[in-house]
């Protein structure tokens, strides 16, 4: 099973991002933990973790409003 990230813009539309593939969920999560700031700076507002074609979860890259 392959793990990957789908990148989404402000309106939930898919946007381009690095085409990385990972052997495990842990590897994918470690990678996003290291690169999320660069992705957010390039206009990615949220990501979805995919196992093959199944969405495991979605996550915002935006700061939490106080």
PDB file of N, CA and C in Angstrom:
ATOM      1  N   UNK A   1       0.840  -1.183   0.000  1.00  0.00           N
ATOM      2  CA  UNK A   1       0.000   0.000   0.000  1.00  0.00           C
ATOM      3  C   UNK A   1       0.879   1.238   0.000  1.00  0.00           C
ATOM      4  N   UNK A   2       0.528   2.198  -0.802  1.00  0.00           N
ATOM      5  CA  UNK A   2       1.289   3.441  -0.892  1.00  0.00           C
ATOM      6  C   UNK A   2       0.542   4.566  -0.186  1.00  0.00           C
ATOM      7  N   UNK A   3       1.286   5.397   0.484  1.00  0.00           N
ATOM      8  CA  UNK A   3       0.747   6.563   1.168  1.00  0.00           C
ATOM      9  C   UNK A   3       1.226   7.815   0.449  1.00  0.00           C
ATOM     10  N   UNK A   4       0.352   8.802   0.338  1.00  0.00           N
ATOM     11  CA  UNK A   4       0.714  10.060  -0.319  1.00  0.00           C
ATOM     12  C   UNK A   4      -0.167  11.177   0.223  1.00  0.00           C
ATOM     13  N   UNK A   5       0.188  12.391  -0.134  1.00  0.00           N
ATOM     14  CA  UNK A   5      -0.579  13.566   0.275  1.00  0.00           C
ATOM     15  C   UNK A   5      -1.241  14.197  -0.937  1.00  0.00           C
ATOM     16  N   UNK A   6      -2.473  14.646  -0.762  1.00  0.00           N
ATOM     17  CA  UNK A   6      -3.152  15.474  -1.769  1.00  0.00           C
ATOM     18  C   UNK A   6      -3.167  16.884  -1.188  1.00  0.00           C
ATOM     19  N   UNK A   7      -2.839  17.852  -2.011  1.00  0.00           N
ATOM     20  CA  UNK A   7      -2.716  19.246  -1.575  1.00  0.00           C
ATOM     21  C   UNK A   7      -3.947  20.019  -2.026  1.00  0.00           C
ATOM     22  N   UNK A   8      -4.476  20.864  -1.129  1.00  0.00           N
ATOM     23  CA  UNK A   8      -5.704  21.601  -1.425  1.00  0.00           C
ATOM     24  C   UNK A   8      -5.505  23.090  -1.172  1.00  0.00           C
ATOM     25  N   UNK A   9      -6.170  23.901  -1.996  1.00  0.00           N
ATOM     26  CA  UNK A   9      -6.122  25.353  -1.852  1.00  0.00           C
ATOM     27  C   UNK A   9      -7.254  25.862  -0.984  1.00  0.00           C
ATOM     28  N   UNK A  10      -7.417  27.167  -0.950  1.00  0.00           N
ATOM     29  CA  UNK A  10      -8.383  27.831  -0.071  1.00  0.00           C
ATOM     30  C   UNK A  10      -9.822  27.381  -0.302  1.00  0.00           C
ATOM     31  N   UNK A  11     -10.183  27.047  -1.540  1.00  0.00           N
ATOM     32  CA  UNK A  11     -11.557  26.624  -1.835  1.00  0.00           C
ATOM     33  C   UNK A  11     -11.716  25.111  -1.861  1.00  0.00           C
ATOM     34  N   UNK A  12     -10.710  24.378  -1.373  1.00  0.00           N
ATOM     35  CA  UNK A  12     -10.782  22.927  -1.360  1.00  0.00           C
ATOM     36  C   UNK A  12     -10.380  22.274  -2.669  1.00  0.00           C
ATOM     37  N   UNK A  13      -9.982  23.104  -3.653  1.00  0.00           N
ATOM     38  CA  UNK A  13      -9.583  22.549  -4.937  1.00  0.00           C
ATOM     39  C   UNK A  13      -8.184  21.944  -4.822  1.00  0.00           C
ATOM     40  N   UNK A  14      -7.912  20.936  -5.624  1.00  0.00           N
ATOM     41  CA  UNK A  14      -6.584  20.333  -5.655  1.00  0.00           C
ATOM     42  C   UNK A  14      -5.594  21.323  -6.248  1.00  0.00           C
ATOM     43  N   UNK A  15      -4.425  21.402  -5.634  1.00  0.00           N
ATOM     44  CA  UNK A  15      -3.344  22.240  -6.143  1.00  0.00           C
ATOM     45  C   UNK A  15      -2.094  21.382  -6.282  1.00  0.00           C
ATOM     46  N   UNK A  16      -1.164  21.844  -7.089  1.00  0.00           N
ATOM     47  CA  UNK A  16       0.076  21.100  -7.307  1.00  0.00           C
ATOM     48  C   UNK A  16       0.948  21.126  -6.065  1.00  0.00           C
ATOM     49  N   UNK A  17       1.650  20.028  -5.886  1.00  0.00           N
ATOM     50  CA  UNK A  17       2.605  19.916  -4.788  1.00  0.00           C
ATOM     51  C   UNK A  17       3.558  18.779  -5.091  1.00  0.00           C
ATOM     52  N   UNK A  18       4.501  18.530  -4.198  1.00  0.00           N
ATOM     53  CA  UNK A  18       5.470  17.458  -4.425  1.00  0.00           C
ATOM     54  C   UNK A  18       4.789  16.095  -4.578  1.00  0.00           C
ATOM     55  N   UNK A  19       5.208  15.338  -5.578  1.00  0.00           N
ATOM     56  CA  UNK A  19       4.639  14.012  -5.838  1.00  0.00           C
ATOM     57  C   UNK A  19       5.448  12.973  -5.073  1.00  0.00           C
ATOM     58  N   UNK A  20       5.258  12.937  -3.765  1.00  0.00           N
ATOM     59  CA  UNK A  20       5.976  12.008  -2.903  1.00  0.00           C
ATOM     60  C   UNK A  20       5.098  10.793  -2.614  1.00  0.00           C
ATOM     61  N   UNK A  21       5.726   9.636  -2.462  1.00  0.00           N
ATOM     62  CA  UNK A  21       5.029   8.413  -2.093  1.00  0.00           C
ATOM     63  C   UNK A  21       5.802   7.773  -0.953  1.00  0.00           C
ATOM     64  N   UNK A  22       5.082   7.204   0.008  1.00  0.00           N
ATOM     65  CA  UNK A  22       5.708   6.689   1.221  1.00  0.00           C
ATOM     66  C   UNK A  22       5.273   5.254   1.480  1.00  0.00           C
ATOM     67  N   UNK A  23       6.153   4.483   2.112  1.00  0.00           N
ATOM     68  CA  UNK A  23       5.878   3.078   2.405  1.00  0.00           C
ATOM     69  C   UNK A  23       4.955   2.915   3.610  1.00  0.00           C
ATOM     70  N   UNK A  24       4.903   3.933   4.476  1.00  0.00           N
ATOM     71  CA  UNK A  24       4.074   3.814   5.680  1.00  0.00           C
ATOM     72  C   UNK A  24       3.423   5.151   6.015  1.00  0.00           C
ATOM     73  N   UNK A  25       2.384   5.081   6.816  1.00  0.00           N
ATOM     74  CA  UNK A  25       1.714   6.287   7.284  1.00  0.00           C
ATOM     75  C   UNK A  25       2.675   7.124   8.117  1.00  0.00           C
ATOM     76  N   UNK A  26       3.476   6.477   8.949  1.00  0.00           N
ATOM     77  CA  UNK A  26       4.435   7.199   9.793  1.00  0.00           C
ATOM     78  C   UNK A  26       5.431   7.983   8.950  1.00  0.00           C
ATOM     79  N   UNK A  27       5.914   7.381   7.859  1.00  0.00           N
ATOM     80  CA  UNK A  27       6.855   8.086   6.980  1.00  0.00           C
ATOM     81  C   UNK A  27       6.194   9.315   6.355  1.00  0.00           C
ATOM     82  N   UNK A  28       4.948   9.163   5.908  1.00  0.00           N
ATOM     83  CA  UNK A  28       4.218  10.281   5.301  1.00  0.00           C
ATOM     84  C   UNK A  28       4.004  11.398   6.320  1.00  0.00           C
ATOM     85  N   UNK A  29       3.634  11.046   7.536  1.00  0.00           N
ATOM     86  CA  UNK A  29       3.389  12.052   8.567  1.00  0.00           C
ATOM     87  C   UNK A  29       4.678  12.749   8.998  1.00  0.00           C
ATOM     88  N   UNK A  30       5.766  12.019   9.049  1.00  0.00           N
ATOM     89  CA  UNK A  30       7.056  12.618   9.374  1.00  0.00           C
ATOM     90  C   UNK A  30       7.446  13.638   8.311  1.00  0.00           C
ATOM     91  N   UNK A  31       7.249  13.279   7.043  1.00  0.00           N
ATOM     92  CA  UNK A  31       7.596  14.171   5.943  1.00  0.00           C
ATOM     93  C   UNK A  31       6.765  15.449   5.991  1.00  0.00           C
ATOM     94  N   UNK A  32       5.444  15.316   6.209  1.00  0.00           N
ATOM     95  CA  UNK A  32       4.599  16.520   6.229  1.00  0.00           C
ATOM     96  C   UNK A  32       4.970  17.405   7.414  1.00  0.00           C
ATOM     97  N   UNK A  33       5.396  16.782   8.517  1.00  0.00           N
ATOM     98  CA  UNK A  33       5.832  17.549   9.675  1.00  0.00           C
ATOM     99  C   UNK A  33       7.055  18.405   9.396  1.00  0.00           C
ATOM    100  N   UNK A  34       7.874  17.976   8.448  1.00  0.00           N
ATOM    101  CA  UNK A  34       9.080  18.715   8.087  1.00  0.00           C
ATOM    102  C   UNK A  34       8.838  19.743   6.982  1.00  0.00           C
ATOM    103  N   UNK A  35       7.772  19.570   6.194  1.00  0.00           N
ATOM    104  CA  UNK A  35       7.600  20.417   5.006  1.00  0.00           C
ATOM    105  C   UNK A  35       6.336  21.274   5.002  1.00  0.00           C
ATOM    106  N   UNK A  36       5.495  21.183   6.018  1.00  0.00           N
ATOM    107  CA  UNK A  36       4.207  21.871   5.965  1.00  0.00           C
ATOM    108  C   UNK A  36       4.358  23.384   5.850  1.00  0.00           C
ATOM    109  N   UNK A  37       5.371  23.956   6.463  1.00  0.00           N
ATOM    110  CA  UNK A  37       5.530  25.415   6.399  1.00  0.00           C
ATOM    111  C   UNK A  37       5.780  25.886   4.965  1.00  0.00           C
ATOM    112  N   UNK A  38       6.634  25.161   4.249  1.00  0.00           N
ATOM    113  CA  UNK A  38       6.909  25.503   2.855  1.00  0.00           C
ATOM    114  C   UNK A  38       5.665  25.337   1.988  1.00  0.00           C
ATOM    115  N   UNK A  39       4.903  24.273   2.248  1.00  0.00           N
ATOM    116  CA  UNK A  39       3.661  24.060   1.501  1.00  0.00           C
ATOM    117  C   UNK A  39       2.673  25.194   1.763  1.00  0.00           C
ATOM    118  N   UNK A  40       2.503  25.567   3.026  1.00  0.00           N
ATOM    119  CA  UNK A  40       1.579  26.651   3.385  1.00  0.00           C
ATOM    120  C   UNK A  40       2.014  27.958   2.729  1.00  0.00           C
ATOM    121  N   UNK A  41       3.314  28.216   2.696  1.00  0.00           N
ATOM    122  CA  UNK A  41       3.825  29.442   2.077  1.00  0.00           C
ATOM    123  C   UNK A  41       3.580  29.460   0.570  1.00  0.00           C
ATOM    124  N   UNK A  42       3.433  28.273  -0.037  1.00  0.00           N
ATOM    125  CA  UNK A  42       3.195  28.209  -1.487  1.00  0.00           C
ATOM    126  C   UNK A  42       1.710  28.197  -1.841  1.00  0.00           C
ATOM    127  N   UNK A  43       0.822  28.353  -0.832  1.00  0.00           N
ATOM    128  CA  UNK A  43      -0.604  28.447  -1.107  1.00  0.00           C
ATOM    129  C   UNK A  43      -1.420  27.214  -0.763  1.00  0.00           C
ATOM    130  N   UNK A  44      -0.788  26.169  -0.252  1.00  0.00           N
ATOM    131  CA  UNK A  44      -1.531  24.978   0.182  1.00  0.00           C
ATOM    132  C   UNK A  44      -2.163  25.302   1.531  1.00  0.00           C
ATOM    133  N   UNK A  45      -3.486  25.163   1.636  1.00  0.00           N
ATOM    134  CA  UNK A  45      -4.157  25.484   2.896  1.00  0.00           C
ATOM    135  C   UNK A  45      -4.525  24.246   3.701  1.00  0.00           C
ATOM    136  N   UNK A  46      -4.625  23.089   3.019  1.00  0.00           N
ATOM    137  CA  UNK A  46      -4.903  21.838   3.720  1.00  0.00           C
ATOM    138  C   UNK A  46      -4.353  20.672   2.904  1.00  0.00           C
ATOM    139  N   UNK A  47      -4.220  19.543   3.585  1.00  0.00           N
ATOM    140  CA  UNK A  47      -3.731  18.333   2.928  1.00  0.00           C
ATOM    141  C   UNK A  47      -4.630  17.169   3.323  1.00  0.00           C
ATOM    142  N   UNK A  48      -4.655  16.159   2.461  1.00  0.00           N
ATOM    143  CA  UNK A  48      -5.376  14.923   2.760  1.00  0.00           C
ATOM    144  C   UNK A  48      -4.379  13.784   2.631  1.00  0.00           C
ATOM    145  N   UNK A  49      -4.319  12.940   3.656  1.00  0.00           N
ATOM    146  CA  UNK A  49      -3.452  11.776   3.614  1.00  0.00           C
ATOM    147  C   UNK A  49      -4.201  10.639   2.941  1.00  0.00           C
ATOM    148  N   UNK A  50      -3.599  10.099   1.878  1.00  0.00           N
ATOM    149  CA  UNK A  50      -4.223   9.030   1.107  1.00  0.00           C
ATOM    150  C   UNK A  50      -3.467   7.720   1.280  1.00  0.00           C
ATOM    151  N   UNK A  51      -4.211   6.653   1.476  1.00  0.00           N
ATOM    152  CA  UNK A  51      -3.670   5.303   1.383  1.00  0.00           C
ATOM    153  C   UNK A  51      -4.218   4.756   0.080  1.00  0.00           C
ATOM    154  N   UNK A  52      -3.365   4.649  -0.919  1.00  0.00           N
ATOM    155  CA  UNK A  52      -3.795   4.375  -2.285  1.00  0.00           C
ATOM    156  C   UNK A  52      -4.801   5.470  -2.679  1.00  0.00           C
ATOM    157  N   UNK A  53      -6.085   5.146  -2.860  1.00  0.00           N
ATOM    158  CA  UNK A  53      -7.088   6.167  -3.217  1.00  0.00           C
ATOM    159  C   UNK A  53      -8.014   6.530  -2.062  1.00  0.00           C
ATOM    160  N   UNK A  54      -7.836   5.900  -0.902  1.00  0.00           N
ATOM    161  CA  UNK A  54      -8.704   6.125   0.259  1.00  0.00           C
ATOM    162  C   UNK A  54      -8.148   7.257   1.125  1.00  0.00           C
ATOM    163  N   UNK A  55      -9.020   8.221   1.486  1.00  0.00           N
ATOM    164  CA  UNK A  55      -8.607   9.327   2.357  1.00  0.00           C
ATOM    165  C   UNK A  55      -8.609   8.829   3.797  1.00  0.00           C
ATOM    166  N   UNK A  56      -7.425   8.872   4.418  1.00  0.00           N
ATOM    167  CA  UNK A  56      -7.297   8.515   5.835  1.00  0.00           C
ATOM    168  C   UNK A  56      -7.788   9.661   6.711  1.00  0.00           C
ATOM    169  N   UNK A  57      -7.310  10.881   6.420  1.00  0.00           N
ATOM    170  CA  UNK A  57      -7.793  12.080   7.115  1.00  0.00           C
ATOM    171  C   UNK A  57      -7.349  13.322   6.358  1.00  0.00           C
ATOM    172  N   UNK A  58      -7.985  14.465   6.703  1.00  0.00           N
ATOM    173  CA  UNK A  58      -7.614  15.778   6.177  1.00  0.00           C
ATOM    174  C   UNK A  58      -7.061  16.609   7.328  1.00  0.00           C
ATOM    175  N   UNK A  59      -6.199  17.580   6.975  1.00  0.00           N
ATOM    176  CA  UNK A  59      -5.594  18.401   7.989  1.00  0.00           C
ATOM    177  C   UNK A  59      -5.327  19.800   7.427  1.00  0.00           C
ATOM    178  N   UNK A  60      -5.687  20.800   8.181  1.00  0.00           N
ATOM    179  CA  UNK A  60      -5.430  22.186   7.796  1.00  0.00           C
ATOM    180  C   UNK A  60      -3.965  22.530   8.035  1.00  0.00           C
ATOM    181  N   UNK A  61      -3.417  23.379   7.191  1.00  0.00           N
ATOM    182  CA  UNK A  61      -2.072  23.909   7.389  1.00  0.00           C
ATOM    183  C   UNK A  61      -2.123  25.355   7.875  1.00  0.00           C
ATOM    184  N   UNK A  62      -3.317  25.849   8.131  1.00  0.00           N
ATOM    185  CA  UNK A  62      -3.504  27.230   8.561  1.00  0.00           C
ATOM    186  C   UNK A  62      -3.402  27.336  10.075  1.00  0.00           C
ATOM    187  N   UNK A  63      -2.919  28.483  10.585  1.00  0.00           N
ATOM    188  CA  UNK A  63      -2.859  28.670  12.031  1.00  0.00           C
ATOM    189  C   UNK A  63      -4.252  28.659  12.644  1.00  0.00           C
ATOM    190  N   UNK A  64      -4.326  28.215  13.863  1.00  0.00           N
ATOM    191  CA  UNK A  64      -5.594  28.190  14.592  1.00  0.00           C
ATOM    192  C   UNK A  64      -5.969  29.615  14.972  1.00  0.00           C
ATOM    193  N   UNK A  65      -7.200  30.008  14.678  1.00  0.00           N
ATOM    194  CA  UNK A  65      -7.684  31.347  15.043  1.00  0.00           C
ATOM    195  C   UNK A  65      -7.907  31.405  16.552  1.00  0.00           C
ATOM    196  N   UNK A  66      -7.524  32.521  17.119  1.00  0.00           N
ATOM    197  CA  UNK A  66      -7.706  32.687  18.582  1.00  0.00           C
ATOM    198  C   UNK A  66      -8.863  33.569  18.902  1.00  0.00           C
TER     199      UNK A  66
END
